[in-house]
Amino acid sequence: MADQSLPLLPHEQPLAPRTDLWVGASFLAFSVAVLSLTLRMPTYTDQGGQIYTAPALVPSFYAVVILLLSLWLVVRSIRAGALTPAGTQGGPAEAGNSNARFVLAAGLVLVFIVVLIGRMPFWLSAAIFVAAFIAAFEWRPGLDGKARVRGLAIAVVQGVATGILVTLVFERVFLVRLP
């Protein structure tokens, strides 16, 4: 739980309702396009294959999830007043350091891909990446030592849990060998 006495970081401040409406509409259009393309993919039922071997299964699942979440975002933004003249107001007072945050995220992904994967077990690579990502993006200036250690501990626990769960799901459910 965040300390309520600290100011919100730029990425924690709510966006203007109209921004959420446009983002939701964009993802809605994207998910409909993906669904329409997956309906054209082969199903292998004519060759006696099972439904879960269809190549469109995973993209269809993702498209449905994105469609539902984008509908939720659109409805939420309309309820917040996105269609009113005041719908453009709100959001962070300044853009903050979004470029620096993008570079940090891209750098962490590159370290994950180039340095971590293949040099150690995948679960450990994923755990380090997720823990570092959470720690980097949840870092707040002005926190006392105890809160900082607690936040780092939570990041490590979430990283290890994610690394193990992702490995188990891919290797046991999808039967995919990970590096």
Protein backbone atom coordinates (compact mmCIF):
# COMPACT_ATOMS: atom_id res chain seq x y z
CA MET A 1 0.00 0.00 0.00
CA ALA A 2 1.38 3.41 -0.93
CA ASP A 3 2.10 6.05 1.67
CA GLN A 4 -0.67 8.65 1.25
CA SER A 5 1.55 11.50 2.48
CA LEU A 6 3.81 11.34 -0.59
CA PRO A 7 2.78 13.15 -3.78
CA LEU A 8 1.68 11.04 -6.73
CA LEU A 9 4.29 10.31 -9.35
CA PRO A 10 3.39 11.36 -12.92
CA HIS A 11 2.52 7.80 -13.96
CA GLU A 12 0.19 7.47 -10.94
CA GLN A 13 -1.91 10.51 -11.74
CA PRO A 14 -5.14 9.81 -13.63
CA LEU A 15 -5.32 10.81 -17.27
CA ALA A 16 -8.03 13.00 -18.72
CA PRO A 17 -11.19 10.97 -19.43
CA ARG A 18 -10.99 11.73 -23.15
CA THR A 19 -7.45 10.30 -23.29
CA ASP A 20 -8.72 7.07 -21.77
CA LEU A 21 -11.57 7.07 -24.30
CA TRP A 22 -9.15 7.32 -27.25
CA VAL A 23 -6.83 4.68 -25.83
CA GLY A 24 -9.76 2.35 -25.16
CA ALA A 25 -11.19 2.91 -28.64
CA SER A 26 -7.78 2.23 -30.21
CA PHE A 27 -7.33 -1.03 -28.33
CA LEU A 28 -10.91 -1.98 -29.14
CA ALA A 29 -10.25 -1.51 -32.87
CA PHE A 30 -6.98 -3.45 -32.56
CA SER A 31 -8.66 -6.38 -30.79
CA VAL A 32 -11.46 -6.53 -33.38
CA ALA A 33 -8.85 -6.59 -36.16
CA VAL A 34 -6.93 -9.41 -34.46
CA LEU A 35 -10.14 -11.38 -33.91
CA SER A 36 -11.15 -10.98 -37.55
CA LEU A 37 -7.72 -12.21 -38.67
CA THR A 38 -7.77 -15.18 -36.31
CA LEU A 39 -11.15 -16.27 -37.69
CA ARG A 40 -9.46 -16.68 -41.07
CA MET A 41 -6.71 -18.94 -39.72
CA PRO A 42 -6.91 -22.72 -40.20
CA THR A 43 -8.43 -24.81 -37.42
CA TYR A 44 -7.03 -28.23 -38.38
CA THR A 45 -10.39 -29.83 -37.60
CA ASP A 46 -10.53 -31.07 -41.19
CA GLN A 47 -7.30 -32.97 -40.49
CA GLY A 48 -8.62 -34.47 -37.25
CA GLY A 49 -6.77 -32.09 -34.95
CA GLN A 50 -8.01 -30.97 -31.58
CA ILE A 51 -9.39 -27.48 -30.95
CA TYR A 52 -6.48 -26.59 -28.65
CA THR A 53 -3.98 -27.19 -31.48
CA ALA A 54 -5.44 -24.41 -33.61
CA PRO A 55 -2.86 -21.69 -34.33
CA ALA A 56 -5.47 -18.99 -33.75
CA LEU A 57 -6.28 -20.07 -30.22
CA VAL A 58 -3.73 -17.93 -28.32
CA PRO A 59 -4.12 -14.76 -30.43
CA SER A 60 -7.91 -15.11 -30.15
CA PHE A 61 -7.68 -15.41 -26.39
CA TYR A 62 -5.48 -12.32 -26.15
CA ALA A 63 -7.79 -10.40 -28.49
CA VAL A 64 -10.84 -11.24 -26.39
CA VAL A 65 -9.06 -10.16 -23.19
CA ILE A 66 -7.93 -6.88 -24.83
CA LEU A 67 -11.45 -6.34 -26.21
CA LEU A 68 -13.04 -6.76 -22.77
CA LEU A 69 -10.49 -4.53 -21.05
CA SER A 70 -10.80 -1.85 -23.73
CA LEU A 71 -14.60 -1.90 -23.41
CA TRP A 72 -14.19 -1.47 -19.68
CA LEU A 73 -11.85 1.49 -20.25
CA VAL A 74 -14.26 3.10 -22.74
CA VAL A 75 -17.24 2.73 -20.40
CA ARG A 76 -15.22 4.02 -17.44
CA SER A 77 -14.03 7.05 -19.41
CA ILE A 78 -17.55 7.89 -20.58
CA ARG A 79 -18.79 7.68 -16.99
CA ALA A 80 -15.93 10.01 -16.00
CA GLY A 81 -17.15 12.60 -18.53
CA ALA A 82 -15.10 11.91 -21.65
CA LEU A 83 -17.94 13.06 -23.91
CA THR A 84 -18.43 16.35 -22.09
CA PRO A 85 -16.50 19.54 -22.87
CA ALA A 86 -14.60 19.12 -19.60
CA GLY A 87 -13.45 15.64 -20.66
CA THR A 88 -10.07 16.93 -21.79
CA GLN A 89 -9.20 18.31 -18.38
CA GLY A 90 -7.27 16.37 -15.78
CA GLY A 91 -4.16 14.32 -15.90
CA PRO A 92 -0.69 15.14 -14.77
CA ALA A 93 0.30 18.75 -14.52
CA GLU A 94 3.48 17.97 -16.41
CA ALA A 95 4.62 15.11 -18.60
CA GLY A 96 7.21 14.16 -16.04
CA ASN A 97 10.09 12.02 -17.03
CA SER A 98 8.25 9.70 -19.42
CA ASN A 99 11.17 9.58 -21.86
CA ALA A 100 13.54 8.56 -19.08
CA ARG A 101 11.07 5.93 -17.91
CA PHE A 102 10.77 4.59 -21.45
CA VAL A 103 14.56 4.37 -21.76
CA LEU A 104 14.73 2.61 -18.39
CA ALA A 105 12.08 0.07 -19.43
CA ALA A 106 13.77 -0.53 -22.79
CA GLY A 107 17.14 -0.91 -21.06
CA LEU A 108 15.77 -3.45 -18.60
CA VAL A 109 14.21 -5.43 -21.46
CA LEU A 110 17.50 -5.40 -23.37
CA VAL A 111 19.39 -6.62 -20.30
CA PHE A 112 16.82 -9.39 -19.92
CA ILE A 113 17.11 -10.47 -23.56
CA VAL A 114 20.84 -10.00 -24.15
CA VAL A 115 22.40 -10.65 -20.74
CA LEU A 116 20.09 -12.80 -18.63
CA ILE A 117 18.36 -15.24 -21.00
CA GLY A 118 20.57 -18.17 -21.89
CA ARG A 119 23.17 -17.52 -19.20
CA MET A 120 21.12 -18.89 -16.32
CA PRO A 121 17.89 -20.85 -15.83
CA PHE A 122 14.91 -19.05 -17.35
CA TRP A 123 13.01 -18.85 -14.07
CA LEU A 124 15.94 -17.01 -12.49
CA SER A 125 16.30 -14.66 -15.48
CA ALA A 126 12.60 -13.84 -15.33
CA ALA A 127 12.71 -13.40 -11.55
CA ILE A 128 15.62 -10.95 -11.75
CA PHE A 129 13.98 -9.02 -14.58
CA VAL A 130 10.58 -8.73 -12.89
CA ALA A 131 12.09 -7.81 -9.51
CA ALA A 132 14.33 -5.16 -11.09
CA PHE A 133 11.45 -3.77 -13.15
CA ILE A 134 9.14 -3.51 -10.14
CA ALA A 135 11.85 -2.03 -7.93
CA ALA A 136 12.82 0.55 -10.57
CA PHE A 137 9.29 1.71 -11.30
CA GLU A 138 8.01 1.68 -7.73
CA TRP A 139 11.00 3.60 -6.37
CA ARG A 140 9.83 6.73 -4.57
CA PRO A 141 12.09 9.50 -3.39
CA GLY A 142 11.64 10.35 0.25
CA LEU A 143 10.80 6.88 1.56
CA ASP A 144 12.37 5.85 4.84
CA GLY A 145 14.70 2.86 4.99
CA LYS A 146 12.11 0.45 6.39
CA ALA A 147 9.58 1.21 3.65
CA ARG A 148 12.30 0.95 0.99
CA VAL A 149 13.44 -2.48 2.24
CA ARG A 150 9.82 -3.64 2.39
CA GLY A 151 9.25 -2.50 -1.20
CA LEU A 152 12.39 -4.26 -2.40
CA ALA A 153 11.37 -7.44 -0.56
CA ILE A 154 7.94 -7.34 -2.21
CA ALA A 155 9.59 -6.85 -5.62
CA VAL A 156 11.85 -9.87 -5.04
CA VAL A 157 8.94 -12.07 -3.91
CA GLN A 158 6.86 -11.03 -6.93
CA GLY A 159 9.84 -11.60 -9.24
CA VAL A 160 10.55 -15.10 -7.92
CA ALA A 161 6.85 -16.04 -8.01
CA THR A 162 6.52 -14.76 -11.58
CA GLY A 163 9.67 -16.56 -12.73
CA ILE A 164 8.53 -19.86 -11.27
CA LEU A 165 4.91 -19.56 -12.45
CA VAL A 166 5.83 -18.54 -16.00
CA THR A 167 8.29 -21.43 -16.25
CA LEU A 168 5.78 -23.94 -14.90
CA VAL A 169 2.97 -22.75 -17.16
CA PHE A 170 5.09 -22.82 -20.32
CA GLU A 171 6.82 -26.12 -19.57
CA ARG A 172 3.89 -28.05 -18.02
CA VAL A 173 0.83 -26.58 -19.73
CA PHE A 174 2.10 -25.43 -23.14
CA LEU A 175 4.91 -28.02 -23.26
CA VAL A 176 7.43 -25.40 -24.37
CA ARG A 177 11.06 -25.82 -23.34
CA LEU A 178 12.43 -22.53 -22.11
CA PRO A 179 16.08 -21.52 -22.45
